[in-house]
Amino acid sequence: MITKDKVQSKLIDFLCCQFLVEESDIELEESLIDTGIIDSMGLIEIAFYIEKEYSFKVTEVMMNSANFGSVYKIVDFITNQSLLLGRIG
């Protein structure tokens, strides 16, 4: 079962490994781009991570600030998409 806590933990682990940042440097409510953690290519890497980890397609239309604006928004996006696909009980 997918929970927000698990999704958030795995996402933070990915960000730390992929973008070589410390967990303490990641502000959960702040923009990952504005804080300098990622750039536009980083958004694409996050989309690929989501597709691989959660087995659903992330379209270009989905890659907006409402879905990818912060760690919290990405976690909500993943859990909402998983809910729509019936992967959350």
PDB file of N, CA and C in Angstrom:
ATOM      1  N   MET A   1       0.841  -1.185   0.000  1.00  0.00           N
ATOM      2  CA  MET A   1       0.000   0.000   0.000  1.00  0.00           C
ATOM      3  C   MET A   1       0.888   1.251   0.000  1.00  0.00           C
ATOM      4  N   ILE A   2       0.567   2.180  -0.829  1.00  0.00           N
ATOM      5  CA  ILE A   2       1.315   3.427  -0.933  1.00  0.00           C
ATOM      6  C   ILE A   2       0.763   4.426   0.084  1.00  0.00           C
ATOM      7  N   THR A   3       1.666   4.978   0.895  1.00  0.00           N
ATOM      8  CA  THR A   3       1.272   6.033   1.826  1.00  0.00           C
ATOM      9  C   THR A   3       2.076   7.289   1.508  1.00  0.00           C
ATOM     10  N   LYS A   4       1.546   8.429   1.904  1.00  0.00           N
ATOM     11  CA  LYS A   4       2.252   9.688   1.664  1.00  0.00           C
ATOM     12  C   LYS A   4       3.621   9.686   2.334  1.00  0.00           C
ATOM     13  N   ASP A   5       3.708   9.135   3.528  1.00  0.00           N
ATOM     14  CA  ASP A   5       4.989   9.098   4.236  1.00  0.00           C
ATOM     15  C   ASP A   5       6.031   8.298   3.463  1.00  0.00           C
ATOM     16  N   LYS A   6       5.617   7.138   2.933  1.00  0.00           N
ATOM     17  CA  LYS A   6       6.542   6.314   2.148  1.00  0.00           C
ATOM     18  C   LYS A   6       6.955   7.029   0.869  1.00  0.00           C
ATOM     19  N   VAL A   7       5.994   7.633   0.195  1.00  0.00           N
ATOM     20  CA  VAL A   7       6.283   8.360  -1.044  1.00  0.00           C
ATOM     21  C   VAL A   7       7.256   9.495  -0.760  1.00  0.00           C
ATOM     22  N   GLN A   8       7.002  10.244   0.299  1.00  0.00           N
ATOM     23  CA  GLN A   8       7.868  11.375   0.638  1.00  0.00           C
ATOM     24  C   GLN A   8       9.279  10.900   0.983  1.00  0.00           C
ATOM     25  N   SER A   9       9.386   9.857   1.766  1.00  0.00           N
ATOM     26  CA  SER A   9      10.690   9.330   2.157  1.00  0.00           C
ATOM     27  C   SER A   9      11.488   8.867   0.942  1.00  0.00           C
ATOM     28  N   LYS A  10      10.838   8.132   0.050  1.00  0.00           N
ATOM     29  CA  LYS A  10      11.513   7.646  -1.154  1.00  0.00           C
ATOM     30  C   LYS A  10      11.898   8.795  -2.077  1.00  0.00           C
ATOM     31  N   LEU A  11      11.042   9.802  -2.188  1.00  0.00           N
ATOM     32  CA  LEU A  11      11.345  10.956  -3.029  1.00  0.00           C
ATOM     33  C   LEU A  11      12.545  11.719  -2.475  1.00  0.00           C
ATOM     34  N   ILE A  12      12.571  11.931  -1.183  1.00  0.00           N
ATOM     35  CA  ILE A  12      13.702  12.642  -0.574  1.00  0.00           C
ATOM     36  C   ILE A  12      14.994  11.848  -0.758  1.00  0.00           C
ATOM     37  N   ASP A  13      14.934  10.533  -0.590  1.00  0.00           N
ATOM     38  CA  ASP A  13      16.118   9.698  -0.836  1.00  0.00           C
ATOM     39  C   ASP A  13      16.597   9.857  -2.273  1.00  0.00           C
ATOM     40  N   PHE A  14      15.662   9.846  -3.214  1.00  0.00           N
ATOM     41  CA  PHE A  14      16.010  10.029  -4.626  1.00  0.00           C
ATOM     42  C   PHE A  14      16.674  11.381  -4.845  1.00  0.00           C
ATOM     43  N   LEU A  15      16.071  12.438  -4.312  1.00  0.00           N
ATOM     44  CA  LEU A  15      16.624  13.783  -4.495  1.00  0.00           C
ATOM     45  C   LEU A  15      18.036  13.881  -3.922  1.00  0.00           C
ATOM     46  N   CYS A  16      18.247  13.319  -2.754  1.00  0.00           N
ATOM     47  CA  CYS A  16      19.570  13.375  -2.120  1.00  0.00           C
ATOM     48  C   CYS A  16      20.614  12.637  -2.953  1.00  0.00           C
ATOM     49  N   CYS A  17      20.268  11.457  -3.433  1.00  0.00           N
ATOM     50  CA  CYS A  17      21.212  10.665  -4.231  1.00  0.00           C
ATOM     51  C   CYS A  17      21.431  11.255  -5.618  1.00  0.00           C
ATOM     52  N   GLN A  18      20.357  11.625  -6.277  1.00  0.00           N
ATOM     53  CA  GLN A  18      20.439  12.082  -7.666  1.00  0.00           C
ATOM     54  C   GLN A  18      21.039  13.478  -7.796  1.00  0.00           C
ATOM     55  N   PHE A  19      20.715  14.359  -6.857  1.00  0.00           N
ATOM     56  CA  PHE A  19      21.130  15.758  -6.984  1.00  0.00           C
ATOM     57  C   PHE A  19      22.169  16.164  -5.934  1.00  0.00           C
ATOM     58  N   LEU A  20      22.676  15.145  -5.210  1.00  0.00           N
ATOM     59  CA  LEU A  20      23.775  15.342  -4.257  1.00  0.00           C
ATOM     60  C   LEU A  20      23.512  16.470  -3.263  1.00  0.00           C
ATOM     61  N   VAL A  21      22.352  16.401  -2.630  1.00  0.00           N
ATOM     62  CA  VAL A  21      21.997  17.376  -1.597  1.00  0.00           C
ATOM     63  C   VAL A  21      21.766  16.641  -0.282  1.00  0.00           C
ATOM     64  N   GLU A  22      21.915  17.365   0.790  1.00  0.00           N
ATOM     65  CA  GLU A  22      21.626  16.821   2.113  1.00  0.00           C
ATOM     66  C   GLU A  22      20.127  16.936   2.375  1.00  0.00           C
ATOM     67  N   GLU A  23      19.589  15.977   3.079  1.00  0.00           N
ATOM     68  CA  GLU A  23      18.158  16.019   3.404  1.00  0.00           C
ATOM     69  C   GLU A  23      17.792  17.317   4.112  1.00  0.00           C
ATOM     70  N   SER A  24      18.687  17.811   4.953  1.00  0.00           N
ATOM     71  CA  SER A  24      18.418  19.047   5.699  1.00  0.00           C
ATOM     72  C   SER A  24      18.333  20.281   4.794  1.00  0.00           C
ATOM     73  N   ASP A  25      18.841  20.170   3.565  1.00  0.00           N
ATOM     74  CA  ASP A  25      18.783  21.286   2.612  1.00  0.00           C
ATOM     75  C   ASP A  25      17.469  21.330   1.833  1.00  0.00           C
ATOM     76  N   ILE A  26      16.662  20.292   1.956  1.00  0.00           N
ATOM     77  CA  ILE A  26      15.418  20.207   1.197  1.00  0.00           C
ATOM     78  C   ILE A  26      14.277  20.780   2.030  1.00  0.00           C
ATOM     79  N   GLU A  27      13.726  21.880   1.561  1.00  0.00           N
ATOM     80  CA  GLU A  27      12.556  22.496   2.198  1.00  0.00           C
ATOM     81  C   GLU A  27      11.313  21.900   1.545  1.00  0.00           C
ATOM     82  N   LEU A  28      10.495  21.220   2.311  1.00  0.00           N
ATOM     83  CA  LEU A  28       9.375  20.458   1.764  1.00  0.00           C
ATOM     84  C   LEU A  28       8.326  21.320   1.076  1.00  0.00           C
ATOM     85  N   GLU A  29       8.169  22.558   1.511  1.00  0.00           N
ATOM     86  CA  GLU A  29       7.134  23.429   0.947  1.00  0.00           C
ATOM     87  C   GLU A  29       7.678  24.409  -0.084  1.00  0.00           C
ATOM     88  N   GLU A  30       8.994  24.438  -0.262  1.00  0.00           N
ATOM     89  CA  GLU A  30       9.614  25.403  -1.174  1.00  0.00           C
ATOM     90  C   GLU A  30       9.853  24.781  -2.544  1.00  0.00           C
ATOM     91  N   SER A  31       9.919  25.629  -3.545  1.00  0.00           N
ATOM     92  CA  SER A  31      10.193  25.187  -4.908  1.00  0.00           C
ATOM     93  C   SER A  31      11.591  24.594  -4.996  1.00  0.00           C
ATOM     94  N   LEU A  32      11.695  23.402  -5.572  1.00  0.00           N
ATOM     95  CA  LEU A  32      12.999  22.776  -5.758  1.00  0.00           C
ATOM     96  C   LEU A  32      13.848  23.553  -6.758  1.00  0.00           C
ATOM     97  N   ILE A  33      13.191  24.220  -7.696  1.00  0.00           N
ATOM     98  CA  ILE A  33      13.917  25.038  -8.672  1.00  0.00           C
ATOM     99  C   ILE A  33      14.380  26.337  -8.024  1.00  0.00           C
ATOM    100  N   ASP A  34      13.476  27.026  -7.334  1.00  0.00           N
ATOM    101  CA  ASP A  34      13.828  28.307  -6.709  1.00  0.00           C
ATOM    102  C   ASP A  34      14.927  28.162  -5.662  1.00  0.00           C
ATOM    103  N   THR A  35      14.978  27.023  -4.986  1.00  0.00           N
ATOM    104  CA  THR A  35      16.009  26.805  -3.976  1.00  0.00           C
ATOM    105  C   THR A  35      17.314  26.296  -4.582  1.00  0.00           C
ATOM    106  N   GLY A  36      17.316  26.056  -5.893  1.00  0.00           N
ATOM    107  CA  GLY A  36      18.537  25.649  -6.582  1.00  0.00           C
ATOM    108  C   GLY A  36      18.867  24.175  -6.490  1.00  0.00           C
ATOM    109  N   ILE A  37      17.949  23.378  -5.983  1.00  0.00           N
ATOM    110  CA  ILE A  37      18.212  21.945  -5.871  1.00  0.00           C
ATOM    111  C   ILE A  37      18.157  21.278  -7.241  1.00  0.00           C
ATOM    112  N   ILE A  38      17.210  21.695  -8.071  1.00  0.00           N
ATOM    113  CA  ILE A  38      17.104  21.146  -9.425  1.00  0.00           C
ATOM    114  C   ILE A  38      16.942  22.279 -10.428  1.00  0.00           C
ATOM    115  N   ASP A  39      17.122  21.910 -11.702  1.00  0.00           N
ATOM    116  CA  ASP A  39      16.826  22.814 -12.806  1.00  0.00           C
ATOM    117  C   ASP A  39      15.763  22.129 -13.665  1.00  0.00           C
ATOM    118  N   SER A  40      15.529  22.646 -14.860  1.00  0.00           N
ATOM    119  CA  SER A  40      14.472  22.072 -15.703  1.00  0.00           C
ATOM    120  C   SER A  40      14.775  20.617 -16.077  1.00  0.00           C
ATOM    121  N   MET A  41      16.037  20.284 -16.262  1.00  0.00           N
ATOM    122  CA  MET A  41      16.385  18.885 -16.537  1.00  0.00           C
ATOM    123  C   MET A  41      16.096  18.011 -15.312  1.00  0.00           C
ATOM    124  N   GLY A  42      16.248  18.592 -14.143  1.00  0.00           N
ATOM    125  CA  GLY A  42      15.933  17.874 -12.918  1.00  0.00           C
ATOM    126  C   GLY A  42      14.467  17.483 -12.843  1.00  0.00           C
ATOM    127  N   LEU A  43      13.594  18.355 -13.350  1.00  0.00           N
ATOM    128  CA  LEU A  43      12.160  18.021 -13.397  1.00  0.00           C
ATOM    129  C   LEU A  43      11.929  16.774 -14.236  1.00  0.00           C
ATOM    130  N   ILE A  44      12.643  16.691 -15.352  1.00  0.00           N
ATOM    131  CA  ILE A  44      12.505  15.528 -16.233  1.00  0.00           C
ATOM    132  C   ILE A  44      13.014  14.278 -15.522  1.00  0.00           C
ATOM    133  N   GLU A  45      14.120  14.405 -14.802  1.00  0.00           N
ATOM    134  CA  GLU A  45      14.646  13.263 -14.051  1.00  0.00           C
ATOM    135  C   GLU A  45      13.655  12.806 -12.984  1.00  0.00           C
ATOM    136  N   ILE A  46      13.001  13.746 -12.330  1.00  0.00           N
ATOM    137  CA  ILE A  46      11.983  13.388 -11.333  1.00  0.00           C
ATOM    138  C   ILE A  46      10.813  12.679 -12.014  1.00  0.00           C
ATOM    139  N   ALA A  47      10.403  13.162 -13.176  1.00  0.00           N
ATOM    140  CA  ALA A  47       9.312  12.514 -13.913  1.00  0.00           C
ATOM    141  C   ALA A  47       9.682  11.076 -14.272  1.00  0.00           C
ATOM    142  N   PHE A  48      10.921  10.853 -14.738  1.00  0.00           N
ATOM    143  CA  PHE A  48      11.368   9.493 -15.057  1.00  0.00           C
ATOM    144  C   PHE A  48      11.389   8.614 -13.805  1.00  0.00           C
ATOM    145  N   TYR A  49      11.830   9.189 -12.698  1.00  0.00           N
ATOM    146  CA  TYR A  49      11.836   8.454 -11.429  1.00  0.00           C
ATOM    147  C   TYR A  49      10.411   8.019 -11.071  1.00  0.00           C
ATOM    148  N   ILE A  50       9.460   8.940 -11.174  1.00  0.00           N
ATOM    149  CA  ILE A  50       8.064   8.629 -10.844  1.00  0.00           C
ATOM    150  C   ILE A  50       7.539   7.528 -11.753  1.00  0.00           C
ATOM    151  N   GLU A  51       7.805   7.634 -13.053  1.00  0.00           N
ATOM    152  CA  GLU A  51       7.326   6.618 -13.995  1.00  0.00           C
ATOM    153  C   GLU A  51       7.880   5.241 -13.652  1.00  0.00           C
ATOM    154  N   LYS A  52       9.161   5.192 -13.331  1.00  0.00           N
ATOM    155  CA  LYS A  52       9.796   3.907 -13.013  1.00  0.00           C
ATOM    156  C   LYS A  52       9.319   3.367 -11.669  1.00  0.00           C
ATOM    157  N   GLU A  53       9.287   4.226 -10.674  1.00  0.00           N
ATOM    158  CA  GLU A  53       8.973   3.793  -9.305  1.00  0.00           C
ATOM    159  C   GLU A  53       7.490   3.467  -9.107  1.00  0.00           C
ATOM    160  N   TYR A  54       6.604   4.220  -9.774  1.00  0.00           N
ATOM    161  CA  TYR A  54       5.172   4.085  -9.515  1.00  0.00           C
ATOM    162  C   TYR A  54       4.373   3.595 -10.718  1.00  0.00           C
ATOM    163  N   SER A  55       5.052   3.309 -11.806  1.00  0.00           N
ATOM    164  CA  SER A  55       4.453   2.649 -12.978  1.00  0.00           C
ATOM    165  C   SER A  55       3.260   3.383 -13.566  1.00  0.00           C
ATOM    166  N   PHE A  56       3.381   4.705 -13.685  1.00  0.00           N
ATOM    167  CA  PHE A  56       2.399   5.444 -14.476  1.00  0.00           C
ATOM    168  C   PHE A  56       3.108   6.530 -15.260  1.00  0.00           C
ATOM    169  N   LYS A  57       2.508   6.883 -16.373  1.00  0.00           N
ATOM    170  CA  LYS A  57       3.094   7.859 -17.294  1.00  0.00           C
ATOM    171  C   LYS A  57       2.908   9.271 -16.757  1.00  0.00           C
ATOM    172  N   VAL A  58       3.978  10.057 -16.814  1.00  0.00           N
ATOM    173  CA  VAL A  58       3.924  11.474 -16.466  1.00  0.00           C
ATOM    174  C   VAL A  58       4.009  12.248 -17.776  1.00  0.00           C
ATOM    175  N   THR A  59       2.910  12.867 -18.159  1.00  0.00           N
ATOM    176  CA  THR A  59       2.888  13.604 -19.415  1.00  0.00           C
ATOM    177  C   THR A  59       3.431  15.014 -19.217  1.00  0.00           C
ATOM    178  N   GLU A  60       3.748  15.655 -20.315  1.00  0.00           N
ATOM    179  CA  GLU A  60       4.253  17.029 -20.272  1.00  0.00           C
ATOM    180  C   GLU A  60       3.250  17.963 -19.602  1.00  0.00           C
ATOM    181  N   VAL A  61       1.975  17.734 -19.855  1.00  0.00           N
ATOM    182  CA  VAL A  61       0.917  18.560 -19.264  1.00  0.00           C
ATOM    183  C   VAL A  61       0.918  18.440 -17.735  1.00  0.00           C
ATOM    184  N   MET A  62       1.259  17.273 -17.233  1.00  0.00           N
ATOM    185  CA  MET A  62       1.283  17.055 -15.781  1.00  0.00           C
ATOM    186  C   MET A  62       2.454  17.762 -15.102  1.00  0.00           C
ATOM    187  N   MET A  63       3.493  18.057 -15.867  1.00  0.00           N
ATOM    188  CA  MET A  63       4.710  18.648 -15.304  1.00  0.00           C
ATOM    189  C   MET A  63       4.558  20.162 -15.181  1.00  0.00           C
ATOM    190  N   ASN A  64       3.793  20.571 -14.180  1.00  0.00           N
ATOM    191  CA  ASN A  64       3.560  21.996 -13.934  1.00  0.00           C
ATOM    192  C   ASN A  64       3.791  22.294 -12.456  1.00  0.00           C
ATOM    193  N   SER A  65       3.738  23.565 -12.106  1.00  0.00           N
ATOM    194  CA  SER A  65       4.036  23.944 -10.718  1.00  0.00           C
ATOM    195  C   SER A  65       2.997  23.420  -9.728  1.00  0.00           C
ATOM    196  N   ALA A  66       1.784  23.173 -10.190  1.00  0.00           N
ATOM    197  CA  ALA A  66       0.764  22.615  -9.299  1.00  0.00           C
ATOM    198  C   ALA A  66       1.132  21.197  -8.857  1.00  0.00           C
ATOM    199  N   ASN A  67       1.788  20.447  -9.737  1.00  0.00           N
ATOM    200  CA  ASN A  67       2.173  19.068  -9.438  1.00  0.00           C
ATOM    201  C   ASN A  67       3.630  18.922  -9.010  1.00  0.00           C
ATOM    202  N   PHE A  68       4.501  19.783  -9.524  1.00  0.00           N
ATOM    203  CA  PHE A  68       5.938  19.632  -9.309  1.00  0.00           C
ATOM    204  C   PHE A  68       6.552  20.834  -8.599  1.00  0.00           C
ATOM    205  N   GLY A  69       5.738  21.658  -7.943  1.00  0.00           N
ATOM    206  CA  GLY A  69       6.227  22.892  -7.343  1.00  0.00           C
ATOM    207  C   GLY A  69       7.051  22.729  -6.083  1.00  0.00           C
ATOM    208  N   SER A  70       6.887  21.623  -5.377  1.00  0.00           N
ATOM    209  CA  SER A  70       7.627  21.386  -4.131  1.00  0.00           C
ATOM    210  C   SER A  70       7.577  19.890  -3.837  1.00  0.00           C
ATOM    211  N   VAL A  71       8.310  19.476  -2.834  1.00  0.00           N
ATOM    212  CA  VAL A  71       8.262  18.069  -2.434  1.00  0.00           C
ATOM    213  C   VAL A  71       6.834  17.690  -2.057  1.00  0.00           C
ATOM    214  N   TYR A  72       6.176  18.519  -1.256  1.00  0.00           N
ATOM    215  CA  TYR A  72       4.791  18.225  -0.871  1.00  0.00           C
ATOM    216  C   TYR A  72       3.879  18.079  -2.088  1.00  0.00           C
ATOM    217  N   LYS A  73       4.045  18.954  -3.079  1.00  0.00           N
ATOM    218  CA  LYS A  73       3.194  18.886  -4.270  1.00  0.00           C
ATOM    219  C   LYS A  73       3.488  17.640  -5.094  1.00  0.00           C
ATOM    220  N   ILE A  74       4.745  17.252  -5.177  1.00  0.00           N
ATOM    221  CA  ILE A  74       5.093  16.032  -5.910  1.00  0.00           C
ATOM    222  C   ILE A  74       4.511  14.815  -5.197  1.00  0.00           C
ATOM    223  N   VAL A  75       4.617  14.785  -3.885  1.00  0.00           N
ATOM    224  CA  VAL A  75       4.052  13.678  -3.101  1.00  0.00           C
ATOM    225  C   VAL A  75       2.539  13.612  -3.306  1.00  0.00           C
ATOM    226  N   ASP A  76       1.862  14.745  -3.253  1.00  0.00           N
ATOM    227  CA  ASP A  76       0.414  14.773  -3.507  1.00  0.00           C
ATOM    228  C   ASP A  76       0.096  14.285  -4.911  1.00  0.00           C
ATOM    229  N   PHE A  77       0.882  14.711  -5.881  1.00  0.00           N
ATOM    230  CA  PHE A  77       0.679  14.282  -7.268  1.00  0.00           C
ATOM    231  C   PHE A  77       0.787  12.760  -7.374  1.00  0.00           C
ATOM    232  N   ILE A  78       1.842  12.201  -6.810  1.00  0.00           N
ATOM    233  CA  ILE A  78       2.043  10.750  -6.885  1.00  0.00           C
ATOM    234  C   ILE A  78       0.898  10.012  -6.198  1.00  0.00           C
ATOM    235  N   THR A  79       0.532  10.432  -5.004  1.00  0.00           N
ATOM    236  CA  THR A  79      -0.531   9.722  -4.283  1.00  0.00           C
ATOM    237  C   THR A  79      -1.883   9.900  -4.965  1.00  0.00           C
ATOM    238  N   ASN A  80      -2.156  11.073  -5.512  1.00  0.00           N
ATOM    239  CA  ASN A  80      -3.423  11.282  -6.226  1.00  0.00           C
ATOM    240  C   ASN A  80      -3.496  10.437  -7.487  1.00  0.00           C
ATOM    241  N   GLN A  81      -2.411  10.376  -8.243  1.00  0.00           N
ATOM    242  CA  GLN A  81      -2.399   9.548  -9.452  1.00  0.00           C
ATOM    243  C   GLN A  81      -2.542   8.073  -9.083  1.00  0.00           C
ATOM    244  N   SER A  82      -1.872   7.665  -8.030  1.00  0.00           N
ATOM    245  CA  SER A  82      -1.977   6.275  -7.580  1.00  0.00           C
ATOM    246  C   SER A  82      -3.395   5.951  -7.130  1.00  0.00           C
ATOM    247  N   LEU A  83      -4.039   6.914  -6.469  1.00  0.00           N
ATOM    248  CA  LEU A  83      -5.434   6.746  -6.056  1.00  0.00           C
ATOM    249  C   LEU A  83      -6.337   6.563  -7.273  1.00  0.00           C
ATOM    250  N   LEU A  84      -6.120   7.408  -8.278  1.00  0.00           N
ATOM    251  CA  LEU A  84      -6.917   7.310  -9.503  1.00  0.00           C
ATOM    252  C   LEU A  84      -6.742   5.960 -10.181  1.00  0.00           C
ATOM    253  N   LEU A  85      -5.547   5.406 -10.072  1.00  0.00           N
ATOM    254  CA  LEU A  85      -5.261   4.121 -10.698  1.00  0.00           C
ATOM    255  C   LEU A  85      -5.602   2.942  -9.789  1.00  0.00           C
ATOM    256  N   GLY A  86      -6.162   3.241  -8.616  1.00  0.00           N
ATOM    257  CA  GLY A  86      -6.583   2.183  -7.706  1.00  0.00           C
ATOM    258  C   GLY A  86      -5.454   1.503  -6.967  1.00  0.00           C
ATOM    259  N   ARG A  87      -4.335   2.212  -6.758  1.00  0.00           N
ATOM    260  CA  ARG A  87      -3.185   1.603  -6.089  1.00  0.00           C
ATOM    261  C   ARG A  87      -3.099   1.971  -4.620  1.00  0.00           C
ATOM    262  N   ILE A  88      -4.052   2.749  -4.154  1.00  0.00           N
ATOM    263  CA  ILE A  88      -4.112   3.085  -2.732  1.00  0.00           C
ATOM    264  C   ILE A  88      -5.445   2.584  -2.212  1.00  0.00           C
ATOM    265  N   GLY A  89      -5.376   1.839  -1.120  1.00  0.00           N
ATOM    266  CA  GLY A  89      -6.592   1.258  -0.569  1.00  0.00           C
ATOM    267  C   GLY A  89      -7.369   2.196   0.285  1.00  0.00           C
TER     268      GLY A  89
END
